[in-house]
């Protein structure tokens, strides 16, 4: 059962690990619709490798490393298939949290915190990042190190670099991975991870390794791959500190909204001082005043009928790790639970289902055609699509919570 849960969480979080280097949650300009057909062959892959070699050599990859690493690499159609279809498995926020912050996940996390208490205390003292947040990322990315991925990283990245959809991004990751091998921090046999090329306990992409990985053990290697999580956990803290983690501040908290609340004042694009939110009746779900950690936003990941969160700048820092709101809320909420906090109190609209990829793309097309520009058709429900949904809801006398529901799609049809 534990292995199954670990694999489920790994599948949920792996695709988002790419966000460490890509950092985009949605297309910012009009784009062609995503291609879903898997195109590629072993013969074409071999030709691509031939063309790639001089580019890798020019980037500083030693000939010997290049030869040994690419010798065993094969075109893996299953990897491309997963890249094409990952959005098909997008869940509602409540279904996602049911798995990501399950009682079992919390229990395993408490054991991991106890076992690694001294290490996590040292990391928090060094980087100023809450140990519970670091542990939560560890829990979501690899089930606290119990499932770190078993796909050869070079094969995964070479396959995705050969594929045309995000070739430049993955070729850069492949070159970075080859340079890690040349650096001697890991052997080819041990360089395994996810289908997307993310590696180790906290699923770093190769370019993130170069920018943020640290040798916290002092053994001369930045080791994210072995059973010892020391370097991986410290590297995650270093990553979050680099992107502006505010020591002692929350990521967010669950709140209640007052009667007559203006739902157009939601999403990360609307930021106000905490005093302004308190003045209109936004209040913590728990007793006491709203904590003041600077400007804040109200987020409704399940729409007006679900839980509401007041989020602070540390929310955006976690977004640097993975841009999906569901992931950030899962990390924050899991950290809260590991700290002894309660489960989310508000009910979710569990009668609703998530839109399929085709439906999300159809929604974006129809919103744009109706004059509410979603700024592209890619099936990703990010800030541009949410803004388009809100504008449509406002124009049609609906609650402008920005939730991309089947009801909105059916009204547009």
Protein backbone atom coordinates (compact mmCIF):
# COMPACT_ATOMS: atom_id res chain seq x y z
CA UNK A 1 0.00 0.00 0.00
CA UNK A 2 2.80 2.43 0.91
CA UNK A 3 4.50 1.85 -2.45
CA UNK A 4 1.23 2.46 -4.28
CA UNK A 5 0.62 5.71 -2.41
CA UNK A 6 4.18 6.80 -3.13
CA UNK A 7 3.75 6.15 -6.84
CA UNK A 8 0.46 8.06 -6.90
CA UNK A 9 2.02 11.11 -5.28
CA UNK A 10 5.08 10.85 -7.52
CA UNK A 11 2.82 10.86 -10.58
CA UNK A 12 0.91 13.88 -9.27
CA UNK A 13 3.98 15.96 -8.49
CA UNK A 14 6.57 14.98 -11.09
CA UNK A 15 5.29 16.99 -14.02
CA UNK A 16 5.35 20.10 -11.92
CA UNK A 17 9.03 19.65 -11.10
CA UNK A 18 9.75 21.04 -14.54
CA UNK A 19 8.47 24.34 -13.18
CA UNK A 20 11.72 24.76 -11.25
CA UNK A 21 13.29 25.84 -14.50
CA UNK A 22 10.32 26.66 -16.72
CA UNK A 23 8.28 28.70 -14.20
CA UNK A 24 5.19 29.18 -16.34
CA UNK A 25 1.70 28.16 -15.34
CA UNK A 26 -0.04 29.15 -18.53
CA UNK A 27 0.67 30.53 -21.96
CA UNK A 28 1.03 34.32 -21.84
CA UNK A 29 0.28 34.92 -25.50
CA UNK A 30 -1.78 33.30 -28.22
CA UNK A 31 -0.46 29.88 -29.12
CA UNK A 32 -1.33 27.01 -31.38
CA UNK A 33 -3.29 24.25 -29.74
CA UNK A 34 -1.11 21.60 -28.12
CA UNK A 35 -0.35 18.56 -30.24
CA UNK A 36 -1.39 15.31 -28.62
CA UNK A 37 -0.03 12.84 -31.17
CA UNK A 38 3.19 11.07 -30.22
CA UNK A 39 5.66 11.45 -33.07
CA UNK A 40 9.02 9.72 -33.07
CA UNK A 41 10.95 6.57 -33.86
CA UNK A 42 14.15 4.83 -32.82
CA UNK A 43 15.71 5.63 -36.22
CA UNK A 44 14.79 9.29 -35.99
CA UNK A 45 16.09 9.37 -32.42
CA UNK A 46 19.44 7.98 -33.54
CA UNK A 47 19.70 10.70 -36.19
CA UNK A 48 18.83 13.30 -33.57
CA UNK A 49 21.59 12.01 -31.27
CA UNK A 50 24.07 12.37 -34.12
CA UNK A 51 23.07 15.99 -34.53
CA UNK A 52 23.04 16.60 -30.79
CA UNK A 53 26.61 15.41 -30.14
CA UNK A 54 28.43 18.46 -31.54
CA UNK A 55 26.08 20.76 -29.64
CA UNK A 56 26.82 18.92 -26.39
CA UNK A 57 30.57 19.01 -27.04
CA UNK A 58 30.38 22.74 -27.76
CA UNK A 59 28.56 23.17 -24.42
CA UNK A 60 31.50 21.59 -22.59
CA UNK A 61 30.42 17.98 -22.18
CA UNK A 62 33.54 15.75 -22.37
CA UNK A 63 33.63 13.26 -25.23
CA UNK A 64 34.01 10.26 -22.92
CA UNK A 65 30.99 11.24 -20.80
CA UNK A 66 28.93 11.88 -23.91
CA UNK A 67 29.80 8.52 -25.44
CA UNK A 68 29.09 6.46 -22.33
CA UNK A 69 25.91 8.31 -21.43
CA UNK A 70 24.32 8.24 -24.86
CA UNK A 71 25.33 4.69 -25.69
CA UNK A 72 22.52 3.21 -23.64
CA UNK A 73 19.93 5.91 -24.37
CA UNK A 74 16.87 4.77 -26.27
CA UNK A 75 13.80 6.55 -27.57
CA UNK A 76 11.09 5.89 -24.99
CA UNK A 77 7.66 6.45 -26.52
CA UNK A 78 5.99 5.97 -23.12
CA UNK A 79 7.75 9.09 -21.85
CA UNK A 80 6.41 11.18 -24.73
CA UNK A 81 2.97 9.67 -24.17
CA UNK A 82 3.05 10.78 -20.54
CA UNK A 83 4.22 14.25 -21.50
CA UNK A 84 1.38 14.57 -23.99
CA UNK A 85 -1.31 13.29 -21.69
CA UNK A 86 -0.33 14.47 -18.23
CA UNK A 87 -3.15 17.04 -18.15
CA UNK A 88 -5.71 14.31 -18.74
CA UNK A 89 -5.19 13.27 -15.14
CA UNK A 90 -5.63 16.67 -13.56
CA UNK A 91 -7.84 16.28 -10.50
CA UNK A 92 -10.09 18.61 -8.61
CA UNK A 93 -8.33 20.34 -5.74
CA UNK A 94 -10.15 18.21 -3.20
CA UNK A 95 -9.27 14.93 -4.88
CA UNK A 96 -5.66 16.06 -5.16
CA UNK A 97 -5.48 17.03 -1.49
CA UNK A 98 -7.15 13.79 -0.41
CA UNK A 99 -4.07 11.97 -1.71
CA UNK A 100 -1.35 14.57 -1.19
CA UNK A 101 -2.29 15.37 2.41
CA UNK A 102 -3.80 12.07 3.47
CA UNK A 103 -3.62 10.85 7.05
CA UNK A 104 -1.01 8.31 5.93
CA UNK A 105 1.07 11.07 4.34
CA UNK A 106 0.92 13.08 7.56
CA UNK A 107 1.82 10.06 9.70
CA UNK A 108 4.81 9.18 7.50
CA UNK A 109 5.86 12.82 7.58
CA UNK A 110 5.82 12.95 11.36
CA UNK A 111 8.08 9.88 11.41
CA UNK A 112 10.41 11.49 8.86
CA UNK A 113 10.53 14.71 10.90
CA UNK A 114 11.41 12.78 14.05
CA UNK A 115 14.07 10.68 12.33
CA UNK A 116 15.68 13.72 10.68
CA UNK A 117 15.01 16.27 13.43
CA UNK A 118 18.62 17.33 13.95
CA UNK A 119 19.26 17.64 10.20
CA UNK A 120 16.12 19.68 9.56
CA UNK A 121 16.90 21.96 12.49
CA UNK A 122 20.37 22.63 11.02
CA UNK A 123 18.89 23.32 7.59
CA UNK A 124 16.30 25.72 9.03
CA UNK A 125 18.99 27.53 11.01
CA UNK A 126 21.21 27.83 7.91
CA UNK A 127 18.61 28.90 5.34
CA UNK A 128 15.77 30.35 7.38
CA UNK A 129 13.18 28.15 5.66
CA UNK A 130 10.55 26.38 7.77
CA UNK A 131 11.58 22.75 8.24
CA UNK A 132 7.96 21.63 7.89
CA UNK A 133 7.73 23.17 4.40
CA UNK A 134 10.96 21.44 3.35
CA UNK A 135 9.59 18.15 4.71
CA UNK A 136 6.27 18.69 2.92
CA UNK A 137 8.00 19.15 -0.43
CA UNK A 138 9.98 15.98 0.31
CA UNK A 139 6.74 14.18 1.09
CA UNK A 140 5.00 15.26 -2.10
CA UNK A 141 7.94 14.76 -4.43
CA UNK A 142 9.13 11.33 -3.31
CA UNK A 143 6.99 10.20 -0.36
CA UNK A 144 9.87 11.14 1.96
CA UNK A 145 12.44 9.43 -0.21
CA UNK A 146 10.67 6.09 -0.55
CA UNK A 147 10.03 6.51 -4.29
CA UNK A 148 12.55 8.68 -6.11
CA UNK A 149 11.92 7.35 -9.62
CA UNK A 150 13.63 4.61 -11.59
CA UNK A 151 13.78 6.00 -15.13
CA UNK A 152 17.31 6.73 -16.44
CA UNK A 153 17.53 10.50 -16.48
CA UNK A 154 19.61 10.72 -19.66
CA UNK A 155 17.14 8.55 -21.56
CA UNK A 156 14.17 10.57 -20.30
CA UNK A 157 15.71 13.92 -21.18
CA UNK A 158 17.08 12.76 -24.53
CA UNK A 159 13.64 11.44 -25.50
CA UNK A 160 11.95 14.70 -24.55
CA UNK A 161 14.67 16.77 -26.23
CA UNK A 162 14.18 14.79 -29.45
CA UNK A 163 10.43 15.33 -29.22
CA UNK A 164 9.43 18.63 -30.78
CA UNK A 165 7.00 19.99 -28.20
CA UNK A 166 9.54 21.43 -25.75
CA UNK A 167 12.78 20.46 -27.45
CA UNK A 168 14.89 23.48 -26.48
CA UNK A 169 13.94 23.27 -22.80
CA UNK A 170 14.72 19.58 -22.50
CA UNK A 171 17.92 19.78 -24.55
CA UNK A 172 19.17 22.36 -22.04
CA UNK A 173 18.24 19.97 -19.24
CA UNK A 174 20.01 17.10 -21.00
CA UNK A 175 23.22 19.07 -21.39
CA UNK A 176 23.02 20.10 -17.74
CA UNK A 177 22.56 16.42 -16.73
CA UNK A 178 25.56 15.35 -18.82
CA UNK A 179 27.65 18.05 -17.17
CA UNK A 180 26.58 16.73 -13.74
CA UNK A 181 27.94 13.34 -14.76
CA UNK A 182 31.17 14.99 -15.87
CA UNK A 183 31.34 16.75 -12.52
CA UNK A 184 31.40 13.38 -10.78
CA UNK A 185 28.58 13.94 -8.29
CA UNK A 186 26.66 10.88 -9.45
CA UNK A 187 27.30 7.87 -11.67
CA UNK A 188 25.32 7.13 -14.81
CA UNK A 189 23.90 4.00 -13.17
CA UNK A 190 22.59 6.00 -10.22
CA UNK A 191 21.23 8.97 -12.19
CA UNK A 192 17.59 7.93 -12.22
CA UNK A 193 14.39 9.84 -11.57
CA UNK A 194 11.05 10.74 -13.10
CA UNK A 195 9.87 10.52 -16.68
CA UNK A 196 10.34 14.31 -16.91
CA UNK A 197 14.01 14.19 -15.85
CA UNK A 198 13.46 15.37 -12.26
CA UNK A 199 15.87 13.75 -9.81
CA UNK A 200 16.34 12.75 -6.22
CA UNK A 201 14.47 13.12 -2.96
CA UNK A 202 12.99 16.50 -3.88
CA UNK A 203 12.95 16.06 -7.67
CA UNK A 204 15.35 18.71 -8.93
CA UNK A 205 15.69 19.37 -12.62
CA UNK A 206 19.35 19.33 -13.80
CA UNK A 207 19.62 23.08 -14.33
CA UNK A 208 18.24 23.60 -10.83
CA UNK A 209 20.97 21.30 -9.54
CA UNK A 210 23.59 23.59 -11.05
CA UNK A 211 21.97 26.72 -9.69
CA UNK A 212 20.83 25.64 -6.24
CA UNK A 213 22.16 22.25 -5.10
CA UNK A 214 24.45 22.36 -2.07
CA UNK A 215 26.94 19.99 -0.46
CA UNK A 216 25.51 20.08 3.06
CA UNK A 217 27.32 16.89 4.12
CA UNK A 218 30.70 18.39 3.20
CA UNK A 219 31.81 15.27 1.32
CA UNK A 220 32.60 17.15 -1.89
CA UNK A 221 29.47 16.06 -3.76
CA UNK A 222 26.00 17.54 -4.17
CA UNK A 223 24.20 14.23 -3.84
CA UNK A 224 20.46 14.22 -4.44
CA UNK A 225 20.23 10.56 -5.44
CA UNK A 226 21.44 8.36 -2.56
CA UNK A 227 19.39 7.18 0.41
CA UNK A 228 20.84 10.01 2.50
CA UNK A 229 18.48 13.00 2.03
CA UNK A 230 20.85 15.59 3.54
CA UNK A 231 21.97 17.40 0.39
CA UNK A 232 18.53 17.18 -1.24
CA UNK A 233 16.71 18.74 1.71
CA UNK A 234 19.32 21.46 2.12
CA UNK A 235 19.21 22.17 -1.61
CA UNK A 236 15.44 22.59 -1.45
CA UNK A 237 15.82 25.09 1.38
CA UNK A 238 18.51 26.92 -0.59
CA UNK A 239 16.17 27.04 -3.57
CA UNK A 240 13.33 28.55 -1.55
CA UNK A 241 15.61 31.06 0.16
CA UNK A 242 16.93 32.20 -3.22
CA UNK A 243 13.41 32.96 -4.41
CA UNK A 244 12.65 35.11 -1.39
CA UNK A 245 11.35 32.95 1.43
CA UNK A 246 10.27 35.15 4.34
CA UNK A 247 11.46 33.62 7.60
CA UNK A 248 8.71 33.26 10.18
CA UNK A 249 5.89 34.04 7.76
CA UNK A 250 3.07 31.72 6.73
CA UNK A 251 2.39 30.55 3.18
CA UNK A 252 -1.29 31.24 3.82
CA UNK A 253 -4.18 30.12 5.96
CA UNK A 254 -7.80 29.07 5.61
CA UNK A 255 -10.23 31.95 6.09
CA UNK A 256 -13.94 32.70 6.12
CA UNK A 257 -15.42 35.36 3.84
CA UNK A 258 -18.11 37.82 4.91
CA UNK A 259 -21.64 37.92 3.59
CA UNK A 260 -21.76 40.01 0.42
CA UNK A 261 -18.06 39.48 -0.31
CA UNK A 262 -16.99 40.77 -3.72
CA UNK A 263 -15.68 37.63 -5.40
CA UNK A 264 -14.09 39.70 -8.12
CA UNK A 265 -11.46 40.58 -5.48
CA UNK A 266 -9.93 37.11 -5.62
CA UNK A 267 -6.89 35.45 -7.28
CA UNK A 268 -3.22 36.32 -6.88
CA UNK A 269 -3.62 39.33 -9.15
CA UNK A 270 -5.52 41.19 -6.39
CA UNK A 271 -3.18 42.05 -3.51
CA UNK A 272 -4.07 44.15 -0.49
CA UNK A 273 -2.71 44.82 3.00
CA UNK A 274 -4.00 42.38 5.58
CA UNK A 275 -5.69 45.27 7.40
CA UNK A 276 -7.84 45.92 4.32
CA UNK A 277 -8.98 42.28 4.19
CA UNK A 278 -9.73 42.31 7.92
CA UNK A 279 -11.69 45.55 7.57
CA UNK A 280 -14.19 43.94 5.19
CA UNK A 281 -14.66 40.86 7.38
CA UNK A 282 -12.17 38.30 6.10
CA UNK A 283 -11.30 36.25 9.18
CA UNK A 284 -9.23 33.17 10.07
CA UNK A 285 -11.07 29.88 10.20
CA UNK A 286 -9.38 29.49 13.58
CA UNK A 287 -9.80 32.02 16.39
CA UNK A 288 -7.78 35.19 16.59
CA UNK A 289 -6.80 38.02 14.25
CA UNK A 290 -5.45 37.66 10.74
CA UNK A 291 -1.66 37.35 10.81
CA UNK A 292 0.05 40.22 9.01
CA UNK A 293 2.82 38.99 6.74
CA UNK A 294 2.56 41.80 4.21
CA UNK A 295 0.19 42.14 1.28
CA UNK A 296 -2.08 39.17 0.72
CA UNK A 297 -4.57 37.72 -1.74
CA UNK A 298 -7.71 35.63 -1.40
CA UNK A 299 -7.59 32.36 -3.33
CA UNK A 300 -10.59 30.14 -4.12
CA UNK A 301 -9.14 26.94 -5.62
CA UNK A 302 -12.53 25.22 -5.58
CA UNK A 303 -14.63 28.25 -6.46
CA UNK A 304 -17.03 30.15 -4.22
CA UNK A 305 -18.46 26.93 -2.78
CA UNK A 306 -15.11 25.61 -1.55
CA UNK A 307 -12.46 26.59 0.96
CA UNK A 308 -10.97 30.09 0.86
CA UNK A 309 -7.36 30.91 1.63
CA UNK A 310 -5.54 34.13 2.39
CA UNK A 311 -2.10 33.73 0.82
CA UNK A 312 1.14 35.63 1.41
CA UNK A 313 4.42 36.04 -0.47
CA UNK A 314 5.70 32.61 0.64
CA UNK A 315 2.91 31.12 -1.50
CA UNK A 316 4.60 32.64 -4.56
CA UNK A 317 7.96 31.28 -3.40
CA UNK A 318 6.59 27.72 -3.32
CA UNK A 319 5.13 28.41 -6.77
CA UNK A 320 8.71 28.68 -8.00
CA UNK A 321 9.01 24.99 -7.21
CA UNK A 322 5.77 24.06 -8.94
CA UNK A 323 3.38 26.57 -10.44
CA UNK A 324 0.16 24.61 -9.84
CA UNK A 325 -2.02 26.16 -7.11
CA UNK A 326 -3.04 22.66 -6.00
CA UNK A 327 0.59 21.74 -5.41
CA UNK A 328 1.36 24.92 -3.46
CA UNK A 329 -1.71 24.49 -1.26
CA UNK A 330 -0.80 20.83 -0.72
CA UNK A 331 2.73 21.75 0.37
CA UNK A 332 1.47 24.49 2.66
CA UNK A 333 -1.33 22.44 4.15
CA UNK A 334 0.86 19.36 4.62
CA UNK A 335 3.40 21.57 6.40
CA UNK A 336 0.64 22.88 8.64
CA UNK A 337 -0.52 19.35 9.44
CA UNK A 338 3.05 18.28 10.23
CA UNK A 339 3.20 21.26 12.59
CA UNK A 340 0.10 19.98 14.37
CA UNK A 341 -2.53 22.08 12.59
CA UNK A 342 -6.04 20.92 11.67
CA UNK A 343 -7.36 19.61 8.37
CA UNK A 344 -9.11 22.05 6.05
CA UNK A 345 -12.41 22.91 7.70
CA UNK A 346 -14.62 24.11 4.85
CA UNK A 347 -16.53 21.68 2.66
CA UNK A 348 -15.65 21.20 -1.01
CA UNK A 349 -18.20 20.97 -3.85
CA UNK A 350 -17.45 17.28 -4.33
CA UNK A 351 -20.40 16.85 -6.66
CA UNK A 352 -18.37 18.65 -9.34
CA UNK A 353 -15.83 16.90 -11.52
CA UNK A 354 -12.68 18.20 -13.12
CA UNK A 355 -12.77 19.15 -16.78
CA UNK A 356 -10.91 16.87 -19.13
CA UNK A 357 -8.07 18.26 -21.22
CA UNK A 358 -10.32 18.46 -24.29
CA UNK A 359 -12.95 20.30 -22.24
CA UNK A 360 -10.42 22.77 -20.85
CA UNK A 361 -9.20 23.53 -24.35
CA UNK A 362 -12.78 23.85 -25.57
CA UNK A 363 -13.49 26.26 -22.70
CA UNK A 364 -10.52 28.42 -23.70
CA UNK A 365 -11.60 28.48 -27.34
CA UNK A 366 -15.18 29.38 -26.51
CA UNK A 367 -14.24 32.05 -23.97
CA UNK A 368 -12.01 33.74 -26.52
CA UNK A 369 -14.63 33.47 -29.27
CA UNK A 370 -17.17 35.08 -26.92
CA UNK A 371 -14.87 38.04 -26.37
CA UNK A 372 -13.18 36.90 -23.13
CA UNK A 373 -9.59 36.30 -24.22
CA UNK A 374 -7.99 33.27 -22.55
CA UNK A 375 -4.74 34.15 -24.35
CA UNK A 376 -4.14 30.75 -25.86
CA UNK A 377 -5.52 27.23 -26.07
CA UNK A 378 -3.26 24.93 -24.08
CA UNK A 379 -5.61 23.26 -21.60
CA UNK A 380 -3.89 24.88 -18.61
CA UNK A 381 -6.18 26.70 -16.23
CA UNK A 382 -3.81 29.45 -15.13
CA UNK A 383 -4.24 33.16 -14.39
CA UNK A 384 -5.20 34.15 -17.94
CA UNK A 385 -7.98 31.58 -18.22
CA UNK A 386 -9.20 32.35 -14.70
CA UNK A 387 -9.35 36.06 -15.59
CA UNK A 388 -11.35 35.21 -18.72
CA UNK A 389 -13.78 33.07 -16.71
CA UNK A 390 -14.21 35.87 -14.16
CA UNK A 391 -14.91 38.39 -16.91
CA UNK A 392 -17.49 36.05 -18.45
CA UNK A 393 -19.13 35.45 -15.06
CA UNK A 394 -19.31 39.18 -14.33
CA UNK A 395 -20.82 39.92 -17.72
CA UNK A 396 -23.49 37.27 -17.18
CA UNK A 397 -24.46 38.04 -13.61
CA UNK A 398 -22.72 35.03 -12.08
CA UNK A 399 -20.47 34.90 -9.02
CA UNK A 400 -17.07 35.89 -10.46
CA UNK A 401 -14.97 33.30 -8.64
CA UNK A 402 -13.02 32.32 -11.77
CA UNK A 403 -13.70 28.61 -11.32
CA UNK A 404 -13.51 26.77 -14.63
CA UNK A 405 -16.47 24.43 -14.20
CA UNK A 406 -18.48 22.24 -16.50
CA UNK A 407 -21.40 24.61 -15.87
CA UNK A 408 -19.46 27.51 -17.43
CA UNK A 409 -18.47 25.40 -20.41
CA UNK A 410 -22.05 24.25 -21.00
CA UNK A 411 -23.31 27.85 -20.86
CA UNK A 412 -20.80 28.77 -23.57
CA UNK A 413 -21.85 25.94 -25.86
